Amino acid sequence: MTSLAGLPPVVSLEEAARFLRLTTGTTRRRLAAGDIIGWKEGSAGWRTTPQALADYIQARTRTTTPAGPPGPPGHRTAQATAPRSPRARAMRARRNTRSKEQP
């Protein structure tokens, strides 16, 4: 947990992004002016984690922004894979049911 002692309970996304850049070196997207993010009050005052901020920003922008830079080589996201043809789907289903029947 990273303490945010100097920040007020409600902070603009610009300030959140500035904090995120300081702690992780990156932000997920350009931030719109006036966006508001809430900070949960913990035992040591207002606190959050860079990952929580990143998740919040990603959730806010999931439907409107294009996909970010590709991940590590060899990693394919669900969106990056092409939809399967009916024939490929049938072959996969046959293969899966066969493997489950064998002890």
Protein backbone atom coordinates (compact mmCIF):
# COMPACT_ATOMS: atom_id res chain seq x y z
CA MET A 1 0.00 0.00 0.00
CA THR A 2 1.21 3.46 -0.88
CA SER A 3 0.16 6.20 1.49
CA LEU A 4 -1.34 9.34 -0.03
CA ALA A 5 -1.12 11.54 3.03
CA GLY A 6 -1.08 14.83 1.09
CA LEU A 7 -4.04 14.15 -1.20
CA PRO A 8 -7.65 15.12 -0.45
CA PRO A 9 -10.35 12.41 -0.40
CA VAL A 10 -11.59 13.25 -3.91
CA VAL A 11 -8.93 13.81 -6.56
CA SER A 12 -9.11 14.55 -10.28
CA LEU A 13 -7.89 11.85 -12.64
CA GLU A 14 -5.04 14.15 -13.68
CA GLU A 15 -3.71 14.06 -10.13
CA ALA A 16 -4.34 10.32 -9.96
CA ALA A 17 -2.43 9.87 -13.22
CA ARG A 18 0.43 12.01 -11.92
CA PHE A 19 0.63 9.77 -8.86
CA LEU A 20 0.41 6.67 -11.05
CA ARG A 21 3.23 7.95 -13.28
CA LEU A 22 5.39 8.63 -10.23
CA THR A 23 4.82 5.16 -8.80
CA THR A 24 4.71 2.96 -11.91
CA GLY A 25 6.08 5.12 -14.72
CA THR A 26 2.98 4.76 -16.88
CA THR A 27 -0.68 5.63 -17.28
CA ARG A 28 -3.29 3.68 -19.20
CA ARG A 29 -4.75 6.55 -21.28
CA ARG A 30 -5.09 10.28 -21.67
CA LEU A 31 -7.31 11.63 -18.94
CA ALA A 32 -10.28 13.90 -19.46
CA ALA A 33 -10.41 17.09 -17.43
CA GLY A 34 -12.92 17.01 -14.60
CA ASP A 35 -12.98 13.22 -14.18
CA ILE A 36 -13.29 12.32 -10.50
CA ILE A 37 -11.80 9.38 -8.64
CA GLY A 38 -12.54 8.48 -5.03
CA TRP A 39 -9.96 7.35 -2.51
CA LYS A 40 -10.89 4.82 0.14
CA GLU A 41 -10.06 5.75 3.72
CA GLY A 42 -7.81 3.18 5.38
CA SER A 43 -6.21 2.84 8.80
CA ALA A 44 -3.41 5.28 7.89
CA GLY A 45 -5.55 7.89 6.14
CA TRP A 46 -6.48 8.02 2.48
CA ARG A 47 -4.66 5.33 0.56
CA THR A 48 -4.77 3.27 -2.63
CA THR A 49 -2.41 1.25 -4.79
CA PRO A 50 -1.08 1.99 -8.27
CA GLN A 51 -2.76 -1.24 -9.44
CA ALA A 52 -6.14 -0.12 -8.08
CA LEU A 53 -5.75 3.17 -9.95
CA ALA A 54 -4.78 1.36 -13.14
CA ASP A 55 -7.79 -0.97 -12.81
CA TYR A 56 -10.10 2.00 -12.25
CA ILE A 57 -8.79 3.85 -15.29
CA GLN A 58 -8.95 0.71 -17.42
CA ALA A 59 -12.53 -0.03 -16.33
CA ARG A 60 -13.60 3.53 -17.16
CA THR A 61 -12.12 3.31 -20.64
CA ARG A 62 -12.71 -0.32 -21.61
CA THR A 63 -15.54 0.44 -24.07
CA THR A 64 -14.28 3.68 -25.60
CA THR A 65 -10.53 3.40 -26.14
CA PRO A 66 -8.73 1.13 -28.61
CA ALA A 67 -6.53 -1.68 -27.34
CA GLY A 68 -3.19 -0.63 -25.90
CA PRO A 69 0.24 -1.81 -26.99
CA PRO A 70 0.57 -5.57 -27.43
CA GLY A 71 1.69 -7.64 -24.47
CA PRO A 72 4.78 -9.83 -24.19
CA PRO A 73 5.62 -11.97 -27.24
CA GLY A 74 3.67 -15.20 -27.38
CA HIS A 75 0.79 -13.74 -25.36
CA ARG A 76 -2.50 -13.46 -27.25
CA THR A 77 -5.56 -11.81 -25.78
CA ALA A 78 -9.08 -13.03 -26.47
CA GLN A 79 -9.68 -10.06 -28.77
CA ALA A 80 -6.55 -10.73 -30.79
CA THR A 81 -7.52 -14.30 -31.71
CA ALA A 82 -9.68 -14.72 -34.79
CA PRO A 83 -13.16 -16.20 -34.36
CA ARG A 84 -13.16 -19.96 -34.98
CA SER A 85 -14.82 -21.45 -38.02
CA PRO A 86 -17.68 -23.93 -37.42
CA ARG A 87 -15.41 -26.75 -38.64
CA ALA A 88 -12.61 -25.79 -36.25
CA ARG A 89 -15.10 -25.46 -33.40
CA ALA A 90 -16.50 -28.95 -34.12
CA MET A 91 -13.01 -30.48 -34.24
CA ARG A 92 -12.11 -28.83 -30.94
CA ALA A 93 -15.34 -30.07 -29.33
CA ARG A 94 -14.65 -33.64 -30.52
CA ARG A 95 -11.11 -33.51 -29.21
CA ASN A 96 -12.25 -32.16 -25.82
CA THR A 97 -15.01 -34.74 -25.30
CA ARG A 98 -12.70 -37.59 -26.28
CA SER A 99 -10.05 -36.57 -23.75
CA LYS A 100 -12.64 -36.32 -20.95
CA GLU A 101 -13.99 -39.85 -21.56
CA GLN A 102 -10.59 -41.51 -21.14
CA PRO A 103 -9.63 -42.29 -17.52
